[in-house]
Amino acid sequence: MGLTSHKVLALTVLIAVVMMAGTVWLWPRLARKSWQAVLGRIGALLATQLTVLAALGLVANNYFAFYSSWDDLLGTGDTGPVVIHNKADASGRLLVETIGRASVKGGGALGREPAQSGEIRKVRIDGAVSRLSTEGYVYLPPQYFQPEYAHRQFPAVIVSTGFPGIAENLITRFNYPGAALKLLQEGRMQPTVMVLMRPSPALPQDTECEDVPNGPQSDTYFTKDVPSAIQASFRVSSDPQAWAFMGNSTGGYCALKLAMRHPDVFPTAVALSAYYEAADDPTTGDLFGGSRQRRDEANLMWRLKNLPQPKASVLLAGTKKGDGNYRQETEAFVNAVRSPMTVSYSMLEKGGHNFETWSALLPSSLEWLSQHLKVPNQTA
């Protein structure tokens, strides 16, 4: 029986109920003062708590689609190559602190010098326009420090976690710097500056990258403040063709929405397990000031059907099974895309809404992204 099977859930709940009832029935017998009775009480309590926690864990997993199978949970699933399909015709203030080097999965940093493995810097980006501020990380590739690239500008990508994730997850759980470094070594990615951030600069609110009426201006923060601060602080190109937005879950939704709204800022976007309509729950509050029009414009399917499609290239990556209605919604999105917008997509056979799935999709997604980033009139 599969991890998300209703039979597994029902059996686990039944076992938990039986354990609770059995503990209550046996408790008088276990009330003696012998060491056997003490061990019996400890065993009964532990067994009951474990079965209840297992049942609650399965309920949460079935609802949020964290893991789609036992292989997904245990990390023993298929790790084969990911195939990407193309649809036919289709000035702020930045505080910086160096914190470490990039490392390839399975090994340490390739060297102590930034020119060998790049450098990760912790930053705080204060928005001059939005007046928002948040911390993140900037990964500078090895070439950034090599003499032959001293006068070169680099492409840049803003990478966002899901909500309420922290930017550090993009290093500790995803290892974006390590993945990029490995692709660089293999000649599958051009040197790119990565800005690693969380999707809301106004915690604890989940702003869904919106300019909230009389509230946080998150759209403005990501499309104006962050690019201008990074351009002022690092050798990155100011040409929009050299910029992209990438993210998972909420970050993926932000990537798509910002590319569709602002193709003059982010003409390229990569969305891992994204959704296509702004969340509406206690963490978001009223994002649209009661405006139906603003809510519609935050619905990406509505935009495709009712507004001129932007000149933007997007990659959608996720799973066919194990992540709710992702496949059906993504296929509907792909089918609705028209020129000048272009869309590519890749789907694993199965996988949940989790780091295991996104890490499997990361190398091919970064390679696709690199192929779409261009720095005009550039020489090494």
Protein backbone atom coordinates (compact mmCIF):
# COMPACT_ATOMS: atom_id res chain seq x y z
CA MET A 1 0.00 0.00 0.00
CA GLY A 2 1.26 3.46 -0.90
CA LEU A 3 2.19 6.15 1.59
CA THR A 4 -0.80 8.31 0.61
CA SER A 5 -3.23 5.40 0.43
CA HIS A 6 -6.46 5.88 2.35
CA LYS A 7 -6.10 2.28 3.53
CA VAL A 8 -2.73 3.09 5.16
CA LEU A 9 -4.23 6.13 6.84
CA ALA A 10 -7.30 4.23 8.04
CA LEU A 11 -5.15 1.35 9.35
CA THR A 12 -2.85 3.74 11.19
CA VAL A 13 -5.78 5.59 12.78
CA LEU A 14 -7.33 2.25 13.79
CA ILE A 15 -4.07 1.11 15.41
CA ALA A 16 -3.81 4.43 17.27
CA VAL A 17 -7.37 4.08 18.58
CA VAL A 18 -6.75 0.46 19.64
CA MET A 19 -3.52 1.47 21.41
CA MET A 20 -5.29 4.26 23.29
CA ALA A 21 -8.13 1.96 24.31
CA GLY A 22 -5.70 -0.80 25.28
CA THR A 23 -3.65 1.59 27.40
CA VAL A 24 -6.75 2.75 29.27
CA TRP A 25 -7.91 -0.87 29.81
CA LEU A 26 -4.50 -2.09 30.99
CA TRP A 27 -3.63 0.92 33.13
CA PRO A 28 -5.09 -0.47 36.41
CA ARG A 29 -2.94 -3.59 35.99
CA LEU A 30 0.09 -1.41 35.31
CA ALA A 31 -0.47 0.67 38.44
CA ARG A 32 1.56 -1.68 40.62
CA LYS A 33 4.91 -0.59 42.03
CA SER A 34 6.99 -3.39 40.53
CA TRP A 35 9.66 -2.60 37.92
CA GLN A 36 7.71 -4.69 35.40
CA ALA A 37 4.70 -2.45 35.85
CA VAL A 38 6.82 0.70 35.47
CA LEU A 39 8.29 -0.61 32.21
CA GLY A 40 4.80 -1.55 31.08
CA ARG A 41 3.52 2.00 31.69
CA ILE A 42 6.47 3.50 29.82
CA GLY A 43 5.98 1.10 26.90
CA ALA A 44 2.23 1.73 26.72
CA LEU A 45 2.69 5.52 26.72
CA LEU A 46 5.42 5.43 24.07
CA ALA A 47 3.47 3.06 21.79
CA THR A 48 0.32 5.17 22.09
CA GLN A 49 2.14 8.42 21.38
CA LEU A 50 3.99 6.97 18.39
CA THR A 51 0.84 5.63 16.77
CA VAL A 52 -1.03 8.90 17.32
CA LEU A 53 1.89 10.90 15.89
CA ALA A 54 2.07 8.54 12.91
CA ALA A 55 -1.63 9.05 12.21
CA LEU A 56 -1.31 12.83 12.50
CA GLY A 57 1.76 12.77 10.26
CA LEU A 58 -0.10 10.83 7.56
CA VAL A 59 -3.04 13.23 7.73
CA ALA A 60 -0.72 16.22 7.34
CA ASN A 61 1.22 14.54 4.52
CA ASN A 62 -1.95 13.62 2.61
CA TYR A 63 -3.22 17.19 2.93
CA PHE A 64 -0.03 19.06 2.05
CA ALA A 65 1.50 16.43 -0.31
CA PHE A 66 4.95 16.61 1.23
CA TYR A 67 5.82 13.03 0.24
CA SER A 68 4.05 11.01 -2.43
CA SER A 69 5.47 7.53 -1.78
CA TRP A 70 7.61 5.45 0.56
CA ASP A 71 10.52 5.89 -1.87
CA ASP A 72 9.99 9.65 -1.75
CA LEU A 73 9.94 9.63 2.06
CA LEU A 74 13.02 7.40 2.36
CA GLY A 75 14.92 9.01 -0.51
CA THR A 76 15.18 5.71 -2.44
CA GLY A 77 13.24 6.71 -5.56
CA ASP A 78 14.34 7.13 -9.16
CA THR A 79 17.12 9.71 -9.55
CA GLY A 80 17.41 9.50 -13.34
CA PRO A 81 17.83 12.51 -15.62
CA VAL A 82 15.07 15.09 -15.90
CA VAL A 83 13.84 15.82 -19.42
CA ILE A 84 12.68 19.33 -20.27
CA HIS A 85 10.06 19.71 -22.99
CA ASN A 86 9.51 22.88 -24.98
CA LYS A 87 6.01 23.74 -26.07
CA ALA A 88 6.02 24.06 -29.82
CA ASP A 89 5.61 27.63 -31.13
CA ALA A 90 5.07 28.43 -28.22
CA SER A 91 18.78 52.20 -5.42
CA GLY A 92 18.76 50.44 -2.11
CA ARG A 93 21.29 49.84 0.64
CA LEU A 94 22.94 46.46 0.92
CA LEU A 95 24.95 45.20 3.90
CA VAL A 96 27.34 42.33 3.09
CA GLU A 97 29.08 39.68 5.16
CA THR A 98 31.17 36.85 3.67
CA ILE A 99 30.13 33.56 5.27
CA GLY A 100 31.59 30.71 3.23
CA ARG A 101 32.36 28.90 0.00
CA ALA A 102 30.28 26.75 -2.30
CA SER A 103 30.60 22.98 -2.05
CA VAL A 104 29.55 20.20 -4.36
CA LYS A 105 27.22 17.57 -2.89
CA GLY A 106 29.23 14.64 -1.64
CA GLY A 107 32.38 16.65 -1.02
CA GLY A 108 33.67 19.83 0.54
CA ALA A 109 34.57 23.13 -1.01
CA LEU A 110 37.04 22.71 -3.87
CA GLY A 111 39.43 25.21 -2.40
CA ARG A 112 39.76 27.96 0.11
CA GLU A 113 40.15 30.63 -2.55
CA PRO A 114 36.99 32.21 -3.99
CA ALA A 115 38.50 31.87 -7.48
CA GLN A 116 38.18 28.09 -7.07
CA SER A 117 34.77 27.59 -5.49
CA GLY A 118 33.08 30.98 -5.44
CA GLU A 119 31.86 32.77 -2.36
CA ILE A 120 28.63 33.06 -0.37
CA ARG A 121 27.88 36.41 1.22
CA LYS A 122 25.13 37.16 3.68
CA VAL A 123 23.31 40.37 2.80
CA ARG A 124 20.54 42.63 4.01
CA ILE A 125 18.77 44.49 1.25
CA ASP A 126 16.96 47.65 2.31
CA GLY A 127 14.42 48.84 -0.25
CA ALA A 128 14.78 52.49 -1.19
CA VAL A 129 11.37 52.56 -2.88
CA SER A 130 9.28 50.01 -0.96
CA ARG A 131 10.90 50.71 2.43
CA LEU A 132 10.98 46.96 3.03
CA SER A 133 14.04 45.05 4.14
CA THR A 134 15.08 41.45 4.45
CA GLU A 135 18.15 39.25 4.75
CA GLY A 136 19.40 36.84 2.14
CA TYR A 137 22.55 35.45 0.55
CA VAL A 138 24.49 36.19 -2.62
CA TYR A 139 26.51 33.48 -4.32
CA LEU A 140 29.37 34.78 -6.46
CA PRO A 141 30.77 32.16 -8.89
CA PRO A 142 34.52 31.43 -9.08
CA GLN A 143 34.90 33.46 -12.28
CA TYR A 144 33.83 36.58 -10.38
CA PHE A 145 37.24 36.50 -8.66
CA GLN A 146 39.40 35.40 -11.58
CA PRO A 147 41.62 38.05 -13.23
CA GLU A 148 40.45 37.29 -16.76
CA TYR A 149 36.87 38.14 -15.72
CA ALA A 150 37.83 41.31 -13.84
CA HIS A 151 35.92 43.59 -16.22
CA ARG A 152 33.06 41.25 -16.95
CA GLN A 153 29.47 41.72 -15.88
CA PHE A 154 27.54 38.61 -14.88
CA PRO A 155 23.94 37.51 -15.33
CA ALA A 156 21.89 37.32 -12.13
CA VAL A 157 18.98 35.30 -10.83
CA ILE A 158 16.85 35.97 -7.76
CA VAL A 159 15.97 32.66 -6.10
CA SER A 160 13.09 32.44 -3.64
CA THR A 161 12.04 29.75 -1.18
CA GLY A 162 8.48 28.80 -0.44
CA PHE A 163 6.59 30.39 2.43
CA PRO A 164 7.41 30.47 5.33
CA GLY A 165 10.84 29.13 4.41
CA ILE A 166 14.05 30.95 5.19
CA ALA A 167 16.74 31.92 2.69
CA GLU A 168 19.24 29.63 4.42
CA ASN A 169 17.24 26.63 3.14
CA LEU A 170 18.43 27.47 -0.36
CA ILE A 171 21.95 26.69 0.84
CA THR A 172 21.46 23.98 3.47
CA ARG A 173 18.57 22.03 1.88
CA PHE A 174 18.89 22.79 -1.84
CA ASN A 175 22.59 23.70 -2.03
CA TYR A 176 22.03 26.09 -4.93
CA PRO A 177 25.67 27.24 -4.83
CA GLY A 178 26.96 23.66 -4.95
CA ALA A 179 24.58 22.70 -7.77
CA ALA A 180 25.64 25.74 -9.78
CA LEU A 181 29.33 25.04 -9.14
CA LYS A 182 28.98 21.44 -10.35
CA LEU A 183 27.21 22.57 -13.53
CA LEU A 184 29.92 25.16 -14.10
CA GLN A 185 32.58 22.45 -13.86
CA GLU A 186 30.67 20.31 -16.35
CA GLY A 187 30.25 23.19 -18.80
CA ARG A 188 26.45 23.11 -18.47
CA MET A 189 25.99 26.53 -16.91
CA GLN A 190 27.52 29.95 -17.38
CA PRO A 191 28.85 31.78 -14.29
CA THR A 192 25.86 33.45 -12.68
CA VAL A 193 25.35 35.55 -9.56
CA MET A 194 22.57 34.14 -7.38
CA VAL A 195 20.54 36.20 -4.91
CA LEU A 196 18.94 33.78 -2.43
CA MET A 197 15.90 35.12 -0.59
CA ARG A 198 12.60 34.27 1.09
CA PRO A 199 9.37 35.24 -0.73
CA SER A 200 8.02 37.76 1.78
CA PRO A 201 9.99 40.78 2.99
CA ALA A 202 7.17 41.56 5.42
CA LEU A 203 7.06 38.59 7.79
CA PRO A 204 4.98 37.22 9.41
CA GLN A 205 2.63 38.11 6.54
CA ASP A 206 2.75 36.06 3.36
CA THR A 207 2.53 38.82 0.76
CA GLU A 208 2.59 36.52 -2.30
CA CYS A 209 4.86 39.12 -3.98
CA GLU A 210 1.96 41.60 -4.15
CA ASP A 211 1.84 45.33 -3.66
CA VAL A 212 -0.78 45.19 -0.93
CA PRO A 213 -3.08 48.26 -0.80
CA ASN A 214 -2.08 50.28 2.27
CA GLY A 215 0.37 47.50 3.10
CA PRO A 216 3.74 45.99 2.16
CA GLN A 217 4.84 46.70 -1.42
CA SER A 218 6.48 43.34 -2.15
CA ASP A 219 6.13 43.48 -5.93
CA THR A 220 7.99 46.80 -5.90
CA TYR A 221 10.63 45.41 -3.55
CA PHE A 222 11.52 42.49 -5.82
CA THR A 223 11.23 44.28 -9.16
CA LYS A 224 12.85 47.61 -8.25
CA ASP A 225 14.71 47.57 -4.94
CA VAL A 226 16.47 44.22 -5.12
CA PRO A 227 17.79 44.54 -8.71
CA SER A 228 19.01 48.10 -8.16
CA ALA A 229 20.75 47.18 -4.89
CA ILE A 230 22.47 44.15 -6.44
CA GLN A 231 23.54 46.11 -9.52
CA ALA A 232 25.00 48.83 -7.32
CA SER A 233 26.95 46.35 -5.18
CA PHE A 234 28.13 43.62 -7.56
CA ARG A 235 29.36 43.31 -11.14
CA VAL A 236 26.07 42.20 -12.62
CA SER A 237 24.52 43.33 -15.87
CA SER A 238 21.72 45.86 -15.86
CA ASP A 239 20.30 44.42 -19.08
CA PRO A 240 16.96 42.66 -18.41
CA GLN A 241 17.99 39.73 -20.63
CA ALA A 242 20.62 38.92 -18.01
CA TRP A 243 18.08 38.66 -15.19
CA ALA A 244 15.70 35.92 -14.08
CA PHE A 245 13.56 34.89 -11.13
CA MET A 246 13.41 31.31 -9.84
CA GLY A 247 11.65 29.69 -6.93
CA ASN A 248 9.80 26.74 -5.44
CA SER A 249 6.18 26.66 -4.24
CA THR A 250 5.34 30.26 -3.24
CA GLY A 251 8.67 31.32 -4.72
CA GLY A 252 7.68 29.61 -7.98
CA TYR A 253 4.36 31.44 -8.05
CA CYS A 254 6.24 34.69 -7.46
CA ALA A 255 8.68 33.88 -10.27
CA LEU A 256 5.90 33.31 -12.79
CA LYS A 257 3.80 36.27 -11.70
CA LEU A 258 6.66 38.76 -11.69
CA ALA A 259 7.87 37.57 -15.11
CA MET A 260 4.35 37.90 -16.52
CA ARG A 261 3.82 41.31 -14.95
CA HIS A 262 7.31 42.69 -15.48
CA PRO A 263 8.97 41.02 -18.49
CA ASP A 264 11.06 44.18 -18.77
CA VAL A 265 12.67 43.22 -15.43
CA PHE A 266 12.50 39.39 -15.39
CA PRO A 267 11.95 38.06 -18.92
CA THR A 268 12.93 34.56 -17.71
CA ALA A 269 11.42 32.55 -14.86
CA VAL A 270 11.74 29.04 -13.43
CA ALA A 271 8.96 27.70 -11.21
CA LEU A 272 9.37 24.47 -9.20
CA SER A 273 6.02 23.04 -8.01
CA ALA A 274 4.41 26.45 -8.37
CA TYR A 275 0.74 27.21 -7.99
CA TYR A 276 -1.07 29.63 -10.27
CA GLU A 277 -3.32 31.65 -8.00
CA ALA A 278 -2.47 33.70 -4.91
CA ALA A 279 -3.02 31.95 -1.60
CA ASP A 280 -5.83 33.22 0.61
CA ASP A 281 -5.47 32.21 4.25
CA PRO A 282 -4.73 33.70 7.67
CA THR A 283 -1.05 34.23 6.74
CA THR A 284 -1.93 36.40 3.74
CA GLY A 285 -4.78 38.48 5.06
CA ASP A 286 -6.54 40.62 2.45
CA LEU A 287 -3.89 41.06 -0.25
CA PHE A 288 -6.13 42.96 -2.66
CA GLY A 289 -8.01 45.53 -0.60
CA GLY A 290 -11.30 43.88 -1.52
CA SER A 291 -10.67 44.46 -5.25
CA ARG A 292 -11.88 41.67 -7.51
CA GLN A 293 -9.84 43.10 -10.38
CA ARG A 294 -6.60 42.91 -8.39
CA ARG A 295 -7.40 39.36 -7.32
CA ASP A 296 -8.06 38.35 -10.94
CA GLU A 297 -4.78 39.90 -12.07
CA ALA A 298 -2.93 37.81 -9.48
CA ASN A 299 -4.51 34.66 -10.99
CA LEU A 300 -2.02 33.54 -13.63
CA MET A 301 -4.54 31.54 -15.65
CA TRP A 302 -6.84 34.57 -15.73
CA ARG A 303 -3.94 36.68 -17.00
CA LEU A 304 -3.21 34.23 -19.81
CA LYS A 305 -6.81 34.26 -20.95
CA ASN A 306 -7.70 37.92 -20.46
CA LEU A 307 -4.54 40.03 -20.88
CA PRO A 308 -1.94 40.30 -23.65
CA GLN A 309 0.67 37.65 -23.03
CA PRO A 310 4.14 38.95 -22.19
CA LYS A 311 7.37 38.35 -24.05
CA ALA A 312 8.72 36.03 -21.38
CA SER A 313 10.18 32.53 -21.25
CA VAL A 314 9.20 30.28 -18.35
CA LEU A 315 10.02 26.77 -17.19
CA LEU A 316 7.51 24.80 -15.12
CA ALA A 317 8.92 21.81 -13.23
CA GLY A 318 7.15 19.41 -10.90
CA THR A 319 5.64 15.93 -10.72
CA LYS A 320 2.88 14.00 -12.48
CA LYS A 321 1.73 12.26 -9.31
CA GLY A 322 1.94 13.07 -5.63
CA ASP A 323 1.49 16.85 -5.58
CA GLY A 324 -2.26 17.34 -5.62
CA ASN A 325 -3.61 18.80 -8.87
CA TYR A 326 -0.23 20.08 -10.04
CA ARG A 327 -0.18 18.09 -13.28
CA GLN A 328 -3.68 19.10 -14.39
CA GLU A 329 -3.19 22.77 -13.51
CA THR A 330 0.22 22.89 -15.18
CA GLU A 331 -1.05 21.25 -18.37
CA ALA A 332 -3.86 23.81 -18.48
CA PHE A 333 -1.31 26.61 -18.07
CA VAL A 334 0.95 25.22 -20.81
CA ASN A 335 -1.99 24.87 -23.21
CA ALA A 336 -3.06 28.46 -22.57
CA VAL A 337 0.34 30.02 -23.39
CA ARG A 338 0.52 31.89 -26.70
CA SER A 339 3.20 33.87 -28.51
CA PRO A 340 5.17 35.96 -27.63
CA MET A 341 5.29 34.06 -24.34
CA THR A 342 7.09 30.69 -24.44
CA VAL A 343 6.88 27.82 -21.96
CA SER A 344 8.94 24.69 -21.27
CA TYR A 345 8.07 22.01 -18.75
CA SER A 346 9.52 18.98 -17.01
CA MET A 347 7.77 16.48 -14.75
CA LEU A 348 9.04 13.65 -12.64
CA GLU A 349 6.76 10.62 -12.61
CA LYS A 350 6.04 11.06 -8.91
CA GLY A 351 7.13 13.11 -5.93
CA GLY A 352 5.70 15.28 -3.20
CA HIS A 353 5.77 19.00 -2.50
CA ASN A 354 9.17 18.79 -0.82
CA PHE A 355 12.91 19.35 -1.00
CA GLU A 356 13.55 15.85 -2.32
CA THR A 357 11.52 16.58 -5.44
CA TRP A 358 12.89 20.08 -5.95
CA SER A 359 16.50 18.97 -5.52
CA ALA A 360 15.98 16.35 -8.24
CA LEU A 361 14.63 19.04 -10.59
CA LEU A 362 17.31 21.61 -9.74
CA PRO A 363 20.24 20.70 -12.08
CA SER A 364 18.18 20.55 -15.28
CA SER A 365 16.28 23.68 -14.28
CA LEU A 366 19.49 25.64 -13.69
CA GLU A 367 20.86 24.43 -17.02
CA TRP A 368 17.71 25.60 -18.81
CA LEU A 369 17.89 28.91 -16.98
CA SER A 370 21.50 29.47 -17.98
CA GLN A 371 20.64 28.91 -21.63
CA HIS A 372 18.16 31.79 -21.47
CA LEU A 373 20.34 34.33 -19.65
CA LYS A 374 22.20 36.68 -21.98
CA VAL A 375 24.60 39.53 -21.31
CA PRO A 376 24.79 41.62 -24.53
CA ASN A 377 28.13 42.91 -25.85
CA GLN A 378 30.04 40.83 -23.34
CA THR A 379 33.63 39.64 -23.54
CA ALA A 380 35.56 37.60 -20.98
